[in-house]
Structures are given as structure tokens and as C-alpha cells.
Amino acid sequence: MTLLRRALVGISLLAILAGWSSPFQDRLESIAIRDLPTEAQTTLGLIRQGGPFPFRRDGITFENRERRLPSRPRGFYREFTVPTPGSRDRGARRIVSGDSPPKEFYYTGDHYRSFRRIDPEK
């Protein structure tokens, strides 16, 4: 590992430990609404109209423990289930909204391992 890369990794780790937002967090790949799975488009519509939501845990606070989304105050993010056809439980797909009323939206198809910012303009 080069000296510069070690320094960047060290700075990133310090930032995470200190609770700072990484400059890379704001560079999430985006996805157009039309490219979301149909079930995610439906969930997004329910979020925008305020429900009703099919799952009891829809709307709970998403704590961003993995720090995959931009750093925001606790309670800023809410998570909603995106049904997975054939799944007997909530599955791995979610939409996370930010702010109240929601102004930011993120999609994860792998239970928080990765996120894509939902771009309402695309």
C-alpha cells in the first residue's frame, strides 16, 4: 500500500470513528425511478403519500450504523420495506428516506450493504 493510500485510509478511519461524514459518502451512484423494481416504485409512492404501509416496521428510524449514507442527525432517516416476490419475510430490499417531509431517497437491494440515491429527475 502506498504512503498516500495509507494516509487516506487512516484519515477515513479517523473520520468514521469521530462520526464525521466521509467525502465519498455524498458520491453514491444514482438510480432513476423508472429503473427501480416495480415493488420499489410502489413503496416510493406510499412514502410520498404517507402510507398506508404493509409492514409494521415501515417508517422506523434508520440509524445509518454502517455509515453508507451521508451523516445526518439521529432520526433524519426512515426505512421502508420493498417487498421481494417469493420471500416469506421482509426480504433484503429497502428504501430509506431522509428529512421530514422526505426529500432524499435511497434504495438498497442487499440489506444495507450498498445504496443508490434515487434520482427523481431521471
Protein backbone atom coordinates (compact mmCIF):
# COMPACT_ATOMS: atom_id res chain seq x y z
CA MET A 1 0.00 0.00 0.00
CA THR A 2 1.44 3.37 -0.97
CA LEU A 3 2.09 6.01 1.66
CA LEU A 4 -0.64 8.27 0.22
CA ARG A 5 -3.18 5.46 0.24
CA ARG A 6 -2.28 4.58 3.86
CA ALA A 7 -2.77 8.21 4.83
CA LEU A 8 -6.18 8.35 3.11
CA VAL A 9 -7.31 5.12 4.76
CA GLY A 10 -6.12 6.44 8.14
CA ILE A 11 -7.95 9.72 7.67
CA SER A 12 -11.13 7.88 6.63
CA LEU A 13 -10.95 5.64 9.69
CA LEU A 14 -10.44 8.63 11.98
CA ALA A 15 -13.39 10.39 10.35
CA ILE A 16 -15.63 7.36 10.86
CA LEU A 17 -14.55 6.98 14.50
CA ALA A 18 -15.13 10.69 15.09
CA GLY A 19 -18.57 10.49 13.45
CA TRP A 20 -17.62 12.75 10.55
CA SER A 21 -19.07 12.28 7.11
CA SER A 22 -16.67 10.85 4.57
CA PRO A 23 -16.34 12.94 1.39
CA PHE A 24 -17.06 9.75 -0.57
CA GLN A 25 -20.48 9.21 1.04
CA ASP A 26 -22.04 12.02 -0.99
CA ARG A 27 -20.95 10.37 -4.24
CA LEU A 28 -23.40 7.49 -4.21
CA GLU A 29 -24.39 6.08 -7.57
CA SER A 30 -27.88 7.16 -8.53
CA ILE A 31 -30.78 5.22 -9.96
CA ALA A 32 -33.76 6.58 -11.88
CA ILE A 33 -37.22 5.87 -10.50
CA ARG A 34 -38.12 4.05 -13.73
CA ASP A 35 -35.14 1.69 -13.19
CA LEU A 36 -36.24 0.64 -9.70
CA PRO A 37 -38.02 -2.70 -9.28
CA THR A 38 -41.80 -2.28 -9.60
CA GLU A 39 -42.23 -3.01 -5.88
CA ALA A 40 -39.78 -0.21 -5.02
CA GLN A 41 -41.71 2.23 -7.20
CA THR A 42 -44.89 1.27 -5.31
CA THR A 43 -43.15 1.70 -1.93
CA LEU A 44 -41.82 5.09 -3.00
CA GLY A 45 -45.37 6.15 -3.91
CA LEU A 46 -46.62 5.04 -0.48
CA ILE A 47 -43.86 7.02 1.25
CA ARG A 48 -44.76 10.15 -0.71
CA GLN A 49 -48.45 9.85 0.17
CA GLY A 50 -47.79 8.96 3.82
CA GLY A 51 -48.95 5.32 3.70
CA PRO A 52 -50.64 3.07 4.48
CA PHE A 53 -47.67 0.74 4.79
CA PRO A 54 -47.98 -3.05 4.65
CA PHE A 55 -45.24 -3.84 7.20
CA ARG A 56 -45.35 -2.99 10.90
CA ARG A 57 -41.74 -1.78 10.94
CA ASP A 58 -42.11 0.57 7.97
CA GLY A 59 -41.19 4.11 8.96
CA ILE A 60 -38.85 3.22 11.81
CA THR A 61 -35.66 5.22 12.26
CA PHE A 62 -32.77 4.06 10.11
CA GLU A 63 -29.66 4.67 12.19
CA ASN A 64 -27.08 4.52 9.38
CA ARG A 65 -24.77 2.40 11.58
CA GLU A 66 -22.88 1.20 8.52
CA ARG A 67 -22.25 4.85 7.56
CA ARG A 68 -23.09 4.15 3.93
CA LEU A 69 -25.31 7.25 3.69
CA PRO A 70 -24.29 10.85 4.34
CA SER A 71 -24.01 11.67 8.04
CA ARG A 72 -27.17 13.26 9.42
CA PRO A 73 -28.66 13.73 12.90
CA ARG A 74 -30.34 10.72 14.50
CA GLY A 75 -33.94 10.41 13.34
CA PHE A 76 -33.27 12.02 9.95
CA TYR A 77 -33.54 8.71 8.07
CA ARG A 78 -36.56 6.35 7.98
CA GLU A 79 -36.64 2.90 6.40
CA PHE A 80 -39.38 1.19 4.43
CA THR A 81 -39.68 -2.38 3.17
CA VAL A 82 -39.66 -3.10 -0.54
CA PRO A 83 -41.46 -6.45 -0.88
CA THR A 84 -39.49 -9.23 -2.52
CA PRO A 85 -41.62 -11.62 -4.60
CA GLY A 86 -41.45 -15.13 -3.19
CA SER A 87 -39.92 -14.03 0.13
CA ARG A 88 -41.66 -15.25 3.28
CA ASP A 89 -40.32 -12.34 5.34
CA ARG A 90 -39.47 -8.69 4.71
CA GLY A 91 -36.57 -9.64 2.46
CA ALA A 92 -33.44 -7.54 1.91
CA ARG A 93 -34.79 -4.64 -0.13
CA ARG A 94 -35.46 -1.24 1.44
CA ILE A 95 -35.98 2.39 0.64
CA VAL A 96 -34.51 4.82 3.13
CA SER A 97 -35.94 8.33 3.13
CA GLY A 98 -34.33 11.41 4.58
CA ASP A 99 -35.84 14.50 6.18
CA SER A 100 -39.43 15.24 7.16
CA PRO A 101 -41.24 15.50 4.86
CA PRO A 102 -38.90 13.21 2.91
CA LYS A 103 -36.68 14.95 0.39
CA GLU A 104 -33.95 12.33 -0.11
CA PHE A 105 -34.47 8.71 -1.07
CA TYR A 106 -32.05 5.78 -1.23
CA TYR A 107 -32.54 2.20 -2.43
CA THR A 108 -30.76 -0.90 -1.17
CA GLY A 109 -31.36 -4.31 -2.63
CA ASP A 110 -28.87 -6.06 -0.34
CA HIS A 111 -29.95 -5.12 3.19
CA TYR A 112 -27.79 -2.01 3.69
CA ARG A 113 -24.54 -3.30 2.16
CA SER A 114 -24.87 -0.80 -0.67
CA PHE A 115 -27.14 2.11 -1.52
CA ARG A 116 -28.09 4.05 -4.62
CA ARG A 117 -29.55 7.52 -4.44
CA ILE A 118 -32.96 7.64 -6.11
CA ASP A 119 -32.86 10.45 -8.64
CA PRO A 120 -36.35 11.94 -9.08
CA GLU A 121 -35.24 13.81 -12.21
CA LYS A 122 -34.32 10.72 -14.21
